[in-house]
mmCIF file of all heavy atoms, coordinates in Angstrom:
data_MODEL
# 
_entry.id   MODEL 
# 
loop_
_atom_site.group_PDB 
_atom_site.id 
_atom_site.type_symbol 
_atom_site.label_atom_id 
_atom_site.label_alt_id 
_atom_site.label_comp_id 
_atom_site.label_asym_id 
_atom_site.label_entity_id 
_atom_site.label_seq_id 
_atom_site.pdbx_PDB_ins_code 
_atom_site.Cartn_x 
_atom_site.Cartn_y 
_atom_site.Cartn_z 
_atom_site.occupancy 
_atom_site.B_iso_or_equiv 
_atom_site.pdbx_formal_charge 
_atom_site.auth_seq_id 
_atom_site.auth_comp_id 
_atom_site.auth_asym_id 
_atom_site.auth_atom_id 
_atom_site.pdbx_PDB_model_num 
ATOM 1   N N   . THR A 1 1  ? 33.277 -64.570 -231.569 1.00 0.00 ? 1  THR A N   1 
ATOM 2   C CA  . THR A 1 1  ? 31.912 -64.681 -231.066 1.00 0.00 ? 1  THR A CA  1 
ATOM 3   C C   . THR A 1 1  ? 31.088 -65.531 -232.021 1.00 0.00 ? 1  THR A C   1 
ATOM 4   O O   . THR A 1 1  ? 31.082 -65.296 -233.235 1.00 0.00 ? 1  THR A O   1 
ATOM 5   C CB  . THR A 1 1  ? 31.252 -63.296 -230.934 1.00 0.00 ? 1  THR A CB  1 
ATOM 6   O OG1 . THR A 1 1  ? 32.040 -62.485 -230.062 1.00 0.00 ? 1  THR A OG1 1 
ATOM 7   C CG2 . THR A 1 1  ? 29.838 -63.421 -230.379 1.00 0.00 ? 1  THR A CG2 1 
ATOM 8   N N   . LEU A 1 2  ? 30.415 -66.526 -231.476 1.00 0.00 ? 2  LEU A N   1 
ATOM 9   C CA  . LEU A 1 2  ? 29.427 -67.307 -232.220 1.00 0.00 ? 2  LEU A CA  1 
ATOM 10  C C   . LEU A 1 2  ? 28.039 -66.852 -231.772 1.00 0.00 ? 2  LEU A C   1 
ATOM 11  O O   . LEU A 1 2  ? 27.818 -66.607 -230.582 1.00 0.00 ? 2  LEU A O   1 
ATOM 12  C CB  . LEU A 1 2  ? 29.577 -68.796 -231.949 1.00 0.00 ? 2  LEU A CB  1 
ATOM 13  C CG  . LEU A 1 2  ? 30.946 -69.442 -232.163 1.00 0.00 ? 2  LEU A CG  1 
ATOM 14  C CD1 . LEU A 1 2  ? 30.860 -70.953 -231.898 1.00 0.00 ? 2  LEU A CD1 1 
ATOM 15  C CD2 . LEU A 1 2  ? 31.478 -69.174 -233.556 1.00 0.00 ? 2  LEU A CD2 1 
ATOM 16  N N   . ALA A 1 3  ? 27.100 -66.752 -232.705 1.00 0.00 ? 3  ALA A N   1 
ATOM 17  C CA  . ALA A 1 3  ? 25.738 -66.324 -232.360 1.00 0.00 ? 3  ALA A CA  1 
ATOM 18  C C   . ALA A 1 3  ? 24.735 -67.080 -233.209 1.00 0.00 ? 3  ALA A C   1 
ATOM 19  O O   . ALA A 1 3  ? 24.996 -67.398 -234.378 1.00 0.00 ? 3  ALA A O   1 
ATOM 20  C CB  . ALA A 1 3  ? 25.581 -64.819 -232.566 1.00 0.00 ? 3  ALA A CB  1 
ATOM 21  N N   . ARG A 1 4  ? 23.565 -67.314 -232.620 1.00 0.00 ? 4  ARG A N   1 
ATOM 22  C CA  . ARG A 1 4  ? 22.485 -68.032 -233.315 1.00 0.00 ? 4  ARG A CA  1 
ATOM 23  C C   . ARG A 1 4  ? 21.185 -67.254 -233.145 1.00 0.00 ? 4  ARG A C   1 
ATOM 24  O O   . ARG A 1 4  ? 20.957 -66.607 -232.121 1.00 0.00 ? 4  ARG A O   1 
ATOM 25  C CB  . ARG A 1 4  ? 22.341 -69.439 -232.738 1.00 0.00 ? 4  ARG A CB  1 
ATOM 26  C CG  . ARG A 1 4  ? 21.431 -70.346 -233.560 1.00 0.00 ? 4  ARG A CG  1 
ATOM 27  C CD  . ARG A 1 4  ? 21.404 -71.738 -232.988 1.00 0.00 ? 4  ARG A CD  1 
ATOM 28  N NE  . ARG A 1 4  ? 20.493 -72.604 -233.740 1.00 0.00 ? 4  ARG A NE  1 
ATOM 29  C CZ  . ARG A 1 4  ? 19.990 -73.738 -233.293 1.00 0.00 ? 4  ARG A CZ  1 
ATOM 30  N NH1 . ARG A 1 4  ? 20.317 -74.166 -232.077 1.00 0.00 ? 4  ARG A NH1 1 
ATOM 31  N NH2 . ARG A 1 4  ? 19.163 -74.457 -234.031 1.00 0.00 ? 4  ARG A NH2 1 
ATOM 32  N N   . ASP A 1 5  ? 20.325 -67.310 -234.144 1.00 0.00 ? 5  ASP A N   1 
ATOM 33  C CA  . ASP A 1 5  ? 19.088 -66.534 -234.125 1.00 0.00 ? 5  ASP A CA  1 
ATOM 34  C C   . ASP A 1 5  ? 18.160 -66.947 -232.992 1.00 0.00 ? 5  ASP A C   1 
ATOM 35  O O   . ASP A 1 5  ? 18.352 -67.961 -232.326 1.00 0.00 ? 5  ASP A O   1 
ATOM 36  C CB  . ASP A 1 5  ? 18.376 -66.605 -235.481 1.00 0.00 ? 5  ASP A CB  1 
ATOM 37  C CG  . ASP A 1 5  ? 17.932 -68.018 -235.838 1.00 0.00 ? 5  ASP A CG  1 
ATOM 38  O OD1 . ASP A 1 5  ? 17.166 -68.622 -235.075 1.00 0.00 ? 5  ASP A OD1 1 
ATOM 39  O OD2 . ASP A 1 5  ? 18.331 -68.530 -236.910 1.00 0.00 ? 5  ASP A OD2 1 
ATOM 40  N N   . ARG A 1 6  ? 17.116 -66.151 -232.786 1.00 0.00 ? 6  ARG A N   1 
ATOM 41  C CA  . ARG A 1 6  ? 16.297 -66.245 -231.581 1.00 0.00 ? 6  ARG A CA  1 
ATOM 42  C C   . ARG A 1 6  ? 15.536 -67.566 -231.457 1.00 0.00 ? 6  ARG A C   1 
ATOM 43  O O   . ARG A 1 6  ? 15.374 -68.086 -230.359 1.00 0.00 ? 6  ARG A O   1 
ATOM 44  C CB  . ARG A 1 6  ? 15.308 -65.079 -231.554 1.00 0.00 ? 6  ARG A CB  1 
ATOM 45  C CG  . ARG A 1 6  ? 15.960 -63.704 -231.427 1.00 0.00 ? 6  ARG A CG  1 
ATOM 46  C CD  . ARG A 1 6  ? 14.942 -62.621 -231.647 1.00 0.00 ? 6  ARG A CD  1 
ATOM 47  N NE  . ARG A 1 6  ? 15.472 -61.271 -231.528 1.00 0.00 ? 6  ARG A NE  1 
ATOM 48  C CZ  . ARG A 1 6  ? 16.034 -60.602 -232.532 1.00 0.00 ? 6  ARG A CZ  1 
ATOM 49  N NH1 . ARG A 1 6  ? 16.157 -61.171 -233.738 1.00 0.00 ? 6  ARG A NH1 1 
ATOM 50  N NH2 . ARG A 1 6  ? 16.472 -59.366 -232.338 1.00 0.00 ? 6  ARG A NH2 1 
ATOM 51  N N   . LEU A 1 7  ? 15.004 -68.093 -232.566 1.00 0.00 ? 7  LEU A N   1 
ATOM 52  C CA  . LEU A 1 7  ? 14.168 -69.298 -232.491 1.00 0.00 ? 7  LEU A CA  1 
ATOM 53  C C   . LEU A 1 7  ? 14.902 -70.566 -232.900 1.00 0.00 ? 7  LEU A C   1 
ATOM 54  O O   . LEU A 1 7  ? 14.349 -71.657 -232.776 1.00 0.00 ? 7  LEU A O   1 
ATOM 55  C CB  . LEU A 1 7  ? 12.925 -69.123 -233.370 1.00 0.00 ? 7  LEU A CB  1 
ATOM 56  C CG  . LEU A 1 7  ? 11.727 -68.341 -232.797 1.00 0.00 ? 7  LEU A CG  1 
ATOM 57  C CD1 . LEU A 1 7  ? 11.268 -68.932 -231.467 1.00 0.00 ? 7  LEU A CD1 1 
ATOM 58  C CD2 . LEU A 1 7  ? 12.011 -66.872 -232.639 1.00 0.00 ? 7  LEU A CD2 1 
ATOM 59  N N   . GLY A 1 8  ? 16.121 -70.444 -233.414 1.00 0.00 ? 8  GLY A N   1 
ATOM 60  C CA  . GLY A 1 8  ? 16.868 -71.627 -233.824 1.00 0.00 ? 8  GLY A CA  1 
ATOM 61  C C   . GLY A 1 8  ? 16.605 -72.055 -235.247 1.00 0.00 ? 8  GLY A C   1 
ATOM 62  O O   . GLY A 1 8  ? 16.666 -73.247 -235.568 1.00 0.00 ? 8  GLY A O   1 
ATOM 63  N N   . GLU A 1 9  ? 16.345 -71.082 -236.119 1.00 0.00 ? 9  GLU A N   1 
ATOM 64  C CA  . GLU A 1 9  ? 16.079 -71.414 -237.525 1.00 0.00 ? 9  GLU A CA  1 
ATOM 65  C C   . GLU A 1 9  ? 17.329 -71.915 -238.230 1.00 0.00 ? 9  GLU A C   1 
ATOM 66  O O   . GLU A 1 9  ? 17.259 -72.793 -239.083 1.00 0.00 ? 9  GLU A O   1 
ATOM 67  C CB  . GLU A 1 9  ? 15.509 -70.190 -238.245 1.00 0.00 ? 9  GLU A CB  1 
ATOM 68  C CG  . GLU A 1 9  ? 14.160 -69.750 -237.696 1.00 0.00 ? 9  GLU A CG  1 
ATOM 69  C CD  . GLU A 1 9  ? 13.720 -68.414 -238.267 1.00 0.00 ? 9  GLU A CD  1 
ATOM 70  O OE1 . GLU A 1 9  ? 13.703 -68.280 -239.511 1.00 0.00 ? 9  GLU A OE1 1 
ATOM 71  O OE2 . GLU A 1 9  ? 13.383 -67.511 -237.483 1.00 0.00 ? 9  GLU A OE2 1 
ATOM 72  N N   . LYS A 1 10 ? 18.483 -71.328 -237.897 1.00 0.00 ? 10 LYS A N   1 
ATOM 73  C CA  . LYS A 1 10 ? 19.746 -71.749 -238.491 1.00 0.00 ? 10 LYS A CA  1 
ATOM 74  C C   . LYS A 1 10 ? 20.600 -72.463 -237.444 1.00 0.00 ? 10 LYS A C   1 
ATOM 75  O O   . LYS A 1 10 ? 20.693 -72.020 -236.299 1.00 0.00 ? 10 LYS A O   1 
ATOM 76  C CB  . LYS A 1 10 ? 20.495 -70.549 -239.065 1.00 0.00 ? 10 LYS A CB  1 
ATOM 77  C CG  . LYS A 1 10 ? 19.878 -70.034 -240.367 1.00 0.00 ? 10 LYS A CG  1 
ATOM 78  C CD  . LYS A 1 10 ? 19.930 -71.110 -241.443 1.00 0.00 ? 10 LYS A CD  1 
ATOM 79  C CE  . LYS A 1 10 ? 19.154 -70.739 -242.684 1.00 0.00 ? 10 LYS A CE  1 
ATOM 80  N NZ  . LYS A 1 10 ? 19.138 -71.843 -243.673 1.00 0.00 ? 10 LYS A NZ  1 
ATOM 81  N N   . PRO A 1 11 ? 21.231 -73.559 -237.828 1.00 0.00 ? 11 PRO A N   1 
ATOM 82  C CA  . PRO A 1 11 ? 21.976 -74.380 -236.854 1.00 0.00 ? 11 PRO A CA  1 
ATOM 83  C C   . PRO A 1 11 ? 23.422 -73.926 -236.694 1.00 0.00 ? 11 PRO A C   1 
ATOM 84  O O   . PRO A 1 11 ? 24.009 -73.316 -237.586 1.00 0.00 ? 11 PRO A O   1 
ATOM 85  C CB  . PRO A 1 11 ? 21.926 -75.769 -237.497 1.00 0.00 ? 11 PRO A CB  1 
ATOM 86  C CG  . PRO A 1 11 ? 21.924 -75.480 -238.978 1.00 0.00 ? 11 PRO A CG  1 
ATOM 87  C CD  . PRO A 1 11 ? 21.152 -74.189 -239.157 1.00 0.00 ? 11 PRO A CD  1 
ATOM 88  N N   . LEU A 1 12 ? 24.003 -74.259 -235.547 1.00 0.00 ? 12 LEU A N   1 
ATOM 89  C CA  . LEU A 1 12 ? 25.421 -74.003 -235.308 1.00 0.00 ? 12 LEU A CA  1 
ATOM 90  C C   . LEU A 1 12 ? 25.935 -75.021 -234.288 1.00 0.00 ? 12 LEU A C   1 
ATOM 91  O O   . LEU A 1 12 ? 25.443 -75.082 -233.160 1.00 0.00 ? 12 LEU A O   1 
ATOM 92  C CB  . LEU A 1 12 ? 25.641 -72.582 -234.806 1.00 0.00 ? 12 LEU A CB  1 
ATOM 93  C CG  . LEU A 1 12 ? 27.096 -72.093 -234.689 1.00 0.00 ? 12 LEU A CG  1 
ATOM 94  C CD1 . LEU A 1 12 ? 27.852 -72.296 -235.993 1.00 0.00 ? 12 LEU A CD1 1 
ATOM 95  C CD2 . LEU A 1 12 ? 27.137 -70.634 -234.277 1.00 0.00 ? 12 LEU A CD2 1 
ATOM 96  N N   . TYR A 1 13 ? 26.901 -75.817 -234.719 1.00 0.00 ? 13 TYR A N   1 
ATOM 97  C CA  . TYR A 1 13 ? 27.512 -76.851 -233.888 1.00 0.00 ? 13 TYR A CA  1 
ATOM 98  C C   . TYR A 1 13 ? 28.943 -76.443 -233.533 1.00 0.00 ? 13 TYR A C   1 
ATOM 99  O O   . TYR A 1 13 ? 29.616 -75.784 -234.327 1.00 0.00 ? 13 TYR A O   1 
ATOM 100 C CB  . TYR A 1 13 ? 27.557 -78.183 -234.639 1.00 0.00 ? 13 TYR A CB  1 
ATOM 101 C CG  . TYR A 1 13 ? 26.204 -78.759 -234.987 1.00 0.00 ? 13 TYR A CG  1 
ATOM 102 C CD1 . TYR A 1 13 ? 25.526 -78.357 -236.136 1.00 0.00 ? 13 TYR A CD1 1 
ATOM 103 C CD2 . TYR A 1 13 ? 25.618 -79.721 -234.176 1.00 0.00 ? 13 TYR A CD2 1 
ATOM 104 C CE1 . TYR A 1 13 ? 24.279 -78.892 -236.462 1.00 0.00 ? 13 TYR A CE1 1 
ATOM 105 C CE2 . TYR A 1 13 ? 24.381 -80.267 -234.493 1.00 0.00 ? 13 TYR A CE2 1 
ATOM 106 C CZ  . TYR A 1 13 ? 23.717 -79.845 -235.632 1.00 0.00 ? 13 TYR A CZ  1 
ATOM 107 O OH  . TYR A 1 13 ? 22.490 -80.371 -235.941 1.00 0.00 ? 13 TYR A OH  1 
ATOM 108 N N   . TYR A 1 14 ? 29.406 -76.879 -232.360 1.00 0.00 ? 14 TYR A N   1 
ATOM 109 C CA  . TYR A 1 14 ? 30.779 -76.547 -231.999 1.00 0.00 ? 14 TYR A CA  1 
ATOM 110 C C   . TYR A 1 14 ? 31.348 -77.612 -231.070 1.00 0.00 ? 14 TYR A C   1 
ATOM 111 O O   . TYR A 1 14 ? 30.618 -78.354 -230.396 1.00 0.00 ? 14 TYR A O   1 
ATOM 112 C CB  . TYR A 1 14 ? 30.868 -75.160 -231.355 1.00 0.00 ? 14 TYR A CB  1 
ATOM 113 C CG  . TYR A 1 14 ? 30.182 -75.032 -230.016 1.00 0.00 ? 14 TYR A CG  1 
ATOM 114 C CD1 . TYR A 1 14 ? 30.901 -75.159 -228.823 1.00 0.00 ? 14 TYR A CD1 1 
ATOM 115 C CD2 . TYR A 1 14 ? 28.813 -74.772 -229.929 1.00 0.00 ? 14 TYR A CD2 1 
ATOM 116 C CE1 . TYR A 1 14 ? 30.285 -75.035 -227.586 1.00 0.00 ? 14 TYR A CE1 1 
ATOM 117 C CE2 . TYR A 1 14 ? 28.190 -74.638 -228.703 1.00 0.00 ? 14 TYR A CE2 1 
ATOM 118 C CZ  . TYR A 1 14 ? 28.928 -74.773 -227.535 1.00 0.00 ? 14 TYR A CZ  1 
ATOM 119 O OH  . TYR A 1 14 ? 28.301 -74.655 -226.312 1.00 0.00 ? 14 TYR A OH  1 
ATOM 120 N N   . ALA A 1 15 ? 32.679 -77.674 -231.043 1.00 0.00 ? 15 ALA A N   1 
ATOM 121 C CA  . ALA A 1 15 ? 33.384 -78.635 -230.192 1.00 0.00 ? 15 ALA A CA  1 
ATOM 122 C C   . ALA A 1 15 ? 34.831 -78.184 -230.057 1.00 0.00 ? 15 ALA A C   1 
ATOM 123 O O   . ALA A 1 15 ? 35.319 -77.375 -230.854 1.00 0.00 ? 15 ALA A O   1 
ATOM 124 C CB  . ALA A 1 15 ? 33.320 -80.040 -230.785 1.00 0.00 ? 15 ALA A CB  1 
ATOM 125 N N   . THR A 1 16 ? 35.507 -78.731 -229.075 1.00 0.00 ? 16 THR A N   1 
ATOM 126 C CA  . THR A 1 16 ? 36.936 -78.459 -228.877 1.00 0.00 ? 16 THR A CA  1 
ATOM 127 C C   . THR A 1 16 ? 37.727 -79.715 -229.211 1.00 0.00 ? 16 THR A C   1 
ATOM 128 O O   . THR A 1 16 ? 37.412 -80.798 -228.714 1.00 0.00 ? 16 THR A O   1 
ATOM 129 C CB  . THR A 1 16 ? 37.222 -78.034 -227.423 1.00 0.00 ? 16 THR A CB  1 
ATOM 130 O OG1 . THR A 1 16 ? 36.413 -76.895 -227.100 1.00 0.00 ? 16 THR A OG1 1 
ATOM 131 C CG2 . THR A 1 16 ? 38.683 -77.660 -227.256 1.00 0.00 ? 16 THR A CG2 1 
ATOM 132 N N   . SER A 1 17 ? 38.740 -79.564 -230.052 1.00 0.00 ? 17 SER A N   1 
ATOM 133 C CA  . SER A 1 17 ? 39.570 -80.709 -230.434 1.00 0.00 ? 17 SER A CA  1 
ATOM 134 C C   . SER A 1 17 ? 40.546 -81.056 -229.322 1.00 0.00 ? 17 SER A C   1 
ATOM 135 O O   . SER A 1 17 ? 40.743 -80.291 -228.365 1.00 0.00 ? 17 SER A O   1 
ATOM 136 C CB  . SER A 1 17 ? 40.333 -80.393 -231.724 1.00 0.00 ? 17 SER A CB  1 
ATOM 137 O OG  . SER A 1 17 ? 41.276 -79.363 -231.483 1.00 0.00 ? 17 SER A OG  1 
ATOM 138 N N   . ALA A 1 18 ? 41.198 -82.195 -229.451 1.00 0.00 ? 18 ALA A N   1 
ATOM 139 C CA  . ALA A 1 18 ? 42.126 -82.660 -228.413 1.00 0.00 ? 18 ALA A CA  1 
ATOM 140 C C   . ALA A 1 18 ? 43.284 -81.688 -228.222 1.00 0.00 ? 18 ALA A C   1 
ATOM 141 O O   . ALA A 1 18 ? 43.836 -81.583 -227.112 1.00 0.00 ? 18 ALA A O   1 
ATOM 142 C CB  . ALA A 1 18 ? 42.653 -84.043 -228.782 1.00 0.00 ? 18 ALA A CB  1 
ATOM 143 N N   . ASP A 1 19 ? 43.662 -80.970 -229.284 1.00 0.00 ? 19 ASP A N   1 
ATOM 144 C CA  . ASP A 1 19 ? 44.774 -80.032 -229.158 1.00 0.00 ? 19 ASP A CA  1 
ATOM 145 C C   . ASP A 1 19 ? 44.314 -78.604 -228.867 1.00 0.00 ? 19 ASP A C   1 
ATOM 146 O O   . ASP A 1 19 ? 45.075 -77.648 -228.992 1.00 0.00 ? 19 ASP A O   1 
ATOM 147 C CB  . ASP A 1 19 ? 45.669 -80.060 -230.399 1.00 0.00 ? 19 ASP A CB  1 
ATOM 148 C CG  . ASP A 1 19 ? 44.909 -79.781 -231.672 1.00 0.00 ? 19 ASP A CG  1 
ATOM 149 O OD1 . ASP A 1 19 ? 43.672 -79.610 -231.602 1.00 0.00 ? 19 ASP A OD1 1 
ATOM 150 O OD2 . ASP A 1 19 ? 45.543 -79.733 -232.742 1.00 0.00 ? 19 ASP A OD2 1 
ATOM 151 N N   . GLY A 1 20 ? 43.033 -78.474 -228.465 1.00 0.00 ? 20 GLY A N   1 
ATOM 152 C CA  . GLY A 1 20 ? 42.564 -77.203 -227.947 1.00 0.00 ? 20 GLY A CA  1 
ATOM 153 C C   . GLY A 1 20 ? 41.963 -76.243 -228.932 1.00 0.00 ? 20 GLY A C   1 
ATOM 154 O O   . GLY A 1 20 ? 41.638 -75.106 -228.572 1.00 0.00 ? 20 GLY A O   1 
ATOM 155 N N   . PHE A 1 21 ? 41.770 -76.639 -230.183 1.00 0.00 ? 21 PHE A N   1 
ATOM 156 C CA  . PHE A 1 21 ? 41.123 -75.759 -231.151 1.00 0.00 ? 21 PHE A CA  1 
ATOM 157 C C   . PHE A 1 21 ? 39.603 -75.831 -230.996 1.00 0.00 ? 21 PHE A C   1 
ATOM 158 O O   . PHE A 1 21 ? 39.040 -76.913 -230.786 1.00 0.00 ? 21 PHE A O   1 
ATOM 159 C CB  . PHE A 1 21 ? 41.485 -76.160 -232.583 1.00 0.00 ? 21 PHE A CB  1 
ATOM 160 C CG  . PHE A 1 21 ? 42.799 -75.613 -233.057 1.00 0.00 ? 21 PHE A CG  1 
ATOM 161 C CD1 . PHE A 1 21 ? 43.949 -76.388 -233.006 1.00 0.00 ? 21 PHE A CD1 1 
ATOM 162 C CD2 . PHE A 1 21 ? 42.888 -74.323 -233.548 1.00 0.00 ? 21 PHE A CD2 1 
ATOM 163 C CE1 . PHE A 1 21 ? 45.157 -75.884 -233.435 1.00 0.00 ? 21 PHE A CE1 1 
ATOM 164 C CE2 . PHE A 1 21 ? 44.095 -73.816 -233.982 1.00 0.00 ? 21 PHE A CE2 1 
ATOM 165 C CZ  . PHE A 1 21 ? 45.240 -74.595 -233.929 1.00 0.00 ? 21 PHE A CZ  1 
ATOM 166 N N   . LEU A 1 22 ? 38.955 -74.686 -231.126 1.00 0.00 ? 22 LEU A N   1 
ATOM 167 C CA  . LEU A 1 22 ? 37.494 -74.653 -231.207 1.00 0.00 ? 22 LEU A CA  1 
ATOM 168 C C   . LEU A 1 22 ? 37.107 -74.834 -232.661 1.00 0.00 ? 22 LEU A C   1 
ATOM 169 O O   . LEU A 1 22 ? 37.550 -74.083 -233.531 1.00 0.00 ? 22 LEU A O   1 
ATOM 170 C CB  . LEU A 1 22 ? 36.933 -73.326 -230.695 1.00 0.00 ? 22 LEU A CB  1 
ATOM 171 C CG  . LEU A 1 22 ? 35.407 -73.196 -230.831 1.00 0.00 ? 22 LEU A CG  1 
ATOM 172 C CD1 . LEU A 1 22 ? 34.696 -74.056 -229.785 1.00 0.00 ? 22 LEU A CD1 1 
ATOM 173 C CD2 . LEU A 1 22 ? 34.957 -71.745 -230.719 1.00 0.00 ? 22 LEU A CD2 1 
ATOM 174 N N   . LEU A 1 23 ? 36.277 -75.837 -232.928 1.00 0.00 ? 23 LEU A N   1 
ATOM 175 C CA  . LEU A 1 23 ? 35.762 -76.069 -234.269 1.00 0.00 ? 23 LEU A CA  1 
ATOM 176 C C   . LEU A 1 23 ? 34.261 -75.772 -234.259 1.00 0.00 ? 23 LEU A C   1 
ATOM 177 O O   . LEU A 1 23 ? 33.568 -76.086 -233.289 1.00 0.00 ? 23 LEU A O   1 
ATOM 178 C CB  . LEU A 1 23 ? 35.985 -77.518 -234.713 1.00 0.00 ? 23 LEU A CB  1 
ATOM 179 C CG  . LEU A 1 23 ? 37.425 -77.928 -235.051 1.00 0.00 ? 23 LEU A CG  1 
ATOM 180 C CD1 . LEU A 1 23 ? 38.209 -78.231 -233.776 1.00 0.00 ? 23 LEU A CD1 1 
ATOM 181 C CD2 . LEU A 1 23 ? 37.430 -79.157 -235.951 1.00 0.00 ? 23 LEU A CD2 1 
ATOM 182 N N   . PHE A 1 24 ? 33.749 -75.194 -235.345 1.00 0.00 ? 24 PHE A N   1 
ATOM 183 C CA  . PHE A 1 24 ? 32.310 -74.925 -235.439 1.00 0.00 ? 24 PHE A CA  1 
ATOM 184 C C   . PHE A 1 24 ? 31.883 -75.031 -236.893 1.00 0.00 ? 24 PHE A C   1 
ATOM 185 O O   . PHE A 1 24 ? 32.683 -74.826 -237.817 1.00 0.00 ? 24 PHE A O   1 
ATOM 186 C CB  . PHE A 1 24 ? 31.962 -73.551 -234.866 1.00 0.00 ? 24 PHE A CB  1 
ATOM 187 C CG  . PHE A 1 24 ? 32.723 -72.403 -235.466 1.00 0.00 ? 24 PHE A CG  1 
ATOM 188 C CD1 . PHE A 1 24 ? 32.252 -71.746 -236.591 1.00 0.00 ? 24 PHE A CD1 1 
ATOM 189 C CD2 . PHE A 1 24 ? 33.920 -71.984 -234.900 1.00 0.00 ? 24 PHE A CD2 1 
ATOM 190 C CE1 . PHE A 1 24 ? 32.964 -70.699 -237.151 1.00 0.00 ? 24 PHE A CE1 1 
ATOM 191 C CE2 . PHE A 1 24 ? 34.638 -70.934 -235.456 1.00 0.00 ? 24 PHE A CE2 1 
ATOM 192 C CZ  . PHE A 1 24 ? 34.159 -70.287 -236.579 1.00 0.00 ? 24 PHE A CZ  1 
# 
């Protein structure tokens, strides 16, 4: 589970690689 605070004070980026891994 990825979670981010209510107003967006702290950042969180994510993507899926070509071989199917979730990176964040």
